[in-house]
Amino acid sequence: MGSLRKCLWAIPLLAALPAPTAGQGMCVALDRIATASREAVPFGSLADAARRGDLVPGFSGGQCRVTAGARVSCYRNLAPERLELDAMERSLRDCLRSAPVSTASSLVRIPARELAFVASGLRYRIAAYCHHHCRAGLLAWFEVAFEAARPKD
C-alpha cells in the first residue's frame, strides 16, 4: 500500500505533460523509415509494421506497403483532415526541415495536388485528391523512395 501511495502523487504530473502530437508521430515514423533505408535490404524491417498498420500515422489498417529494397508507400481513402495536403506538408516541412522540391502531379489523371521533399537521399512524395469534406472523400497518398538509383553492391 505504501508503494502505491508513492506512485499516486506522480499521476497529476504525468497528466500535465503535453501529449505527443500527430506531427511528432510523423517525425518518429520518418526517422524510422530513413534508418531502415540504410539496412542491407532497404526498408525490409518495416514490412511487419506496415502489415500491422502502425508504420505511418494516419495510414492505419494495413494501408502501407513496403517493397523491400525500393520504397514505402501508403494510401488512405476517406482520410481524416490531418492527411490533407496542407497538413501533411506542414508535418514534412517540420520533420525534414526542408521545403518541397516539386509540385508536379504525375500520379493519376484526375485533378490532384502533389508535393515532393528530398532529404538524406530519399524522396518523400505526398498527394491528396479532393479534401475531407469532398463527397467522394479524401484520398491521401504518401511514398518514400530513393532519390536516385541505388548503386548495386
Protein backbone atom coordinates (compact mmCIF):
# COMPACT_ATOMS: atom_id res chain seq x y z
CA MET A 1 0.00 0.00 0.00
CA GLY A 2 2.89 2.35 0.77
CA SER A 3 4.42 1.99 -2.70
CA LEU A 4 1.03 2.69 -4.29
CA ARG A 5 0.78 5.98 -2.37
CA LYS A 6 4.29 6.91 -3.53
CA CYS A 7 3.23 6.43 -7.16
CA LEU A 8 -0.14 8.19 -6.92
CA TRP A 9 1.40 11.63 -6.45
CA ALA A 10 3.01 11.33 -9.91
CA ILE A 11 -0.32 10.97 -11.76
CA PRO A 12 -1.09 14.73 -11.84
CA LEU A 13 2.44 15.40 -13.07
CA LEU A 14 2.09 12.86 -15.88
CA ALA A 15 -1.31 14.25 -16.83
CA ALA A 16 0.21 17.73 -17.16
CA LEU A 17 2.80 16.58 -19.71
CA PRO A 18 1.95 17.51 -23.28
CA ALA A 19 0.57 14.63 -25.31
CA PRO A 20 2.54 13.66 -28.41
CA THR A 21 1.14 15.44 -31.45
CA ALA A 22 0.43 13.88 -34.82
CA GLY A 23 3.42 15.86 -36.13
CA GLN A 24 5.74 14.28 -33.58
CA GLY A 25 4.42 10.86 -34.52
CA MET A 26 5.13 11.62 -38.18
CA CYS A 27 8.69 12.68 -37.34
CA VAL A 28 9.25 9.40 -35.48
CA ALA A 29 7.87 7.47 -38.46
CA LEU A 30 10.06 9.36 -40.95
CA ASP A 31 13.16 8.78 -38.80
CA ARG A 32 12.31 5.08 -38.65
CA ILE A 33 11.90 4.93 -42.45
CA ALA A 34 15.15 6.85 -43.05
CA THR A 35 17.02 4.49 -40.72
CA ALA A 36 15.53 1.45 -42.49
CA SER A 37 16.67 2.83 -45.85
CA ARG A 38 20.26 2.20 -44.74
CA GLU A 39 19.72 -1.50 -43.95
CA ALA A 40 21.31 -4.27 -46.04
CA VAL A 41 17.87 -4.76 -47.62
CA PRO A 42 16.50 -1.22 -47.54
CA PHE A 43 13.12 -0.89 -45.82
CA GLY A 44 12.98 -4.66 -45.22
CA SER A 45 12.49 -4.37 -41.46
CA LEU A 46 9.37 -2.23 -41.94
CA ALA A 47 7.15 -4.90 -43.52
CA ASP A 48 5.66 -6.10 -40.23
CA ALA A 49 4.85 -2.56 -39.08
CA ALA A 50 3.18 -1.90 -42.44
CA ARG A 51 1.03 -5.04 -42.07
CA ARG A 52 0.05 -4.08 -38.51
CA GLY A 53 -0.88 -0.59 -39.67
CA ASP A 54 1.40 1.35 -37.35
CA LEU A 55 4.12 2.46 -39.77
CA VAL A 56 2.92 5.97 -40.67
CA PRO A 57 0.43 7.92 -38.50
CA GLY A 58 -2.95 8.31 -40.14
CA PHE A 59 -2.46 5.39 -42.52
CA SER A 60 -3.75 2.66 -40.24
CA GLY A 61 -5.22 -0.71 -41.03
CA GLY A 62 -2.54 -2.11 -43.30
CA GLN A 63 -2.77 0.65 -45.89
CA CYS A 64 1.00 0.86 -46.22
CA ARG A 65 3.10 -1.40 -48.40
CA VAL A 66 6.82 -1.98 -48.23
CA THR A 67 8.71 -3.01 -51.32
CA ALA A 68 11.96 -4.18 -49.74
CA GLY A 69 14.93 -2.53 -51.37
CA ALA A 70 12.80 0.04 -53.15
CA ARG A 71 10.07 2.03 -51.36
CA VAL A 72 7.42 2.52 -48.72
CA SER A 73 4.01 3.64 -49.98
CA CYS A 74 0.76 4.33 -48.16
CA TYR A 75 -2.73 5.35 -49.17
CA ARG A 76 -5.99 6.02 -47.40
CA ASN A 77 -9.45 6.57 -48.74
CA LEU A 78 -11.90 8.62 -46.64
CA ALA A 79 -8.83 10.04 -44.91
CA PRO A 80 -9.12 12.40 -41.95
CA GLU A 81 -8.39 16.11 -42.18
CA ARG A 82 -4.85 15.64 -40.83
CA LEU A 83 -3.93 13.85 -44.07
CA GLU A 84 -4.95 16.75 -46.31
CA LEU A 85 -2.04 18.05 -48.35
CA ASP A 86 -1.58 21.27 -46.35
CA ALA A 87 -1.40 19.40 -43.04
CA MET A 88 0.95 16.74 -44.44
CA GLU A 89 3.13 19.46 -45.97
CA ARG A 90 3.49 21.17 -42.58
CA SER A 91 4.44 17.87 -40.95
CA LEU A 92 7.06 17.05 -43.57
CA ARG A 93 8.49 20.58 -43.52
CA ASP A 94 8.84 20.37 -39.74
CA CYS A 95 10.22 16.83 -39.65
CA LEU A 96 12.56 17.03 -42.64
CA ARG A 97 13.44 20.69 -42.20
CA SER A 98 13.18 21.28 -45.92
CA ALA A 99 10.87 22.82 -48.49
CA PRO A 100 9.05 20.97 -51.27
CA VAL A 101 11.09 20.43 -54.44
CA SER A 102 8.24 19.92 -56.90
CA THR A 103 4.52 20.33 -57.30
CA ALA A 104 4.01 18.26 -60.43
CA SER A 105 1.20 15.74 -60.42
CA SER A 106 2.08 12.56 -62.22
CA LEU A 107 0.19 10.01 -60.15
CA VAL A 108 -3.17 9.77 -61.89
CA ARG A 109 -5.21 11.65 -64.46
CA ILE A 110 -7.72 13.16 -62.06
CA PRO A 111 -7.10 16.60 -60.56
CA ALA A 112 -4.64 16.14 -57.74
CA ARG A 113 -2.04 18.01 -55.80
CA GLU A 114 1.34 16.50 -55.14
CA LEU A 115 4.45 17.66 -53.31
CA ALA A 116 7.89 16.12 -53.00
CA PHE A 117 10.59 16.68 -50.42
CA VAL A 118 14.18 15.44 -50.65
CA ALA A 119 16.23 14.70 -47.55
CA SER A 120 19.19 12.37 -46.94
CA GLY A 121 18.97 10.82 -50.40
CA LEU A 122 15.28 9.98 -50.07
CA ARG A 123 12.32 11.49 -51.93
CA TYR A 124 9.18 11.88 -49.83
CA ARG A 125 6.08 12.33 -52.01
CA ILE A 126 2.65 13.24 -50.71
CA ALA A 127 -0.55 13.73 -52.65
CA ALA A 128 -4.18 14.40 -51.92
CA TYR A 129 -7.23 14.08 -54.09
CA CYS A 130 -10.23 16.14 -53.05
CA HIS A 131 -10.45 17.09 -49.34
CA HIS A 132 -12.07 15.63 -46.23
CA HIS A 133 -15.41 17.37 -46.97
CA CYS A 134 -15.49 16.09 -50.54
CA ARG A 135 -18.46 13.91 -51.42
CA ALA A 136 -16.17 11.10 -52.56
CA GLY A 137 -13.88 11.54 -49.56
CA LEU A 138 -10.23 12.47 -49.31
CA LEU A 139 -7.74 10.06 -50.84
CA ALA A 140 -4.31 10.63 -49.30
CA TRP A 141 -1.10 9.12 -50.62
CA PHE A 142 2.44 9.01 -49.20
CA GLU A 143 5.62 7.44 -50.62
CA VAL A 144 9.29 7.30 -49.66
CA ALA A 145 11.84 6.04 -52.20
CA PHE A 146 15.45 6.68 -53.07
CA GLU A 147 16.07 9.99 -54.83
CA ALA A 148 18.49 8.45 -57.33
CA ALA A 149 19.05 4.89 -58.42
CA ARG A 150 20.64 2.97 -55.57
CA PRO A 151 24.04 1.53 -56.52
CA LYS A 152 24.17 -2.25 -56.71
CA ASP A 153 26.52 -3.87 -54.19
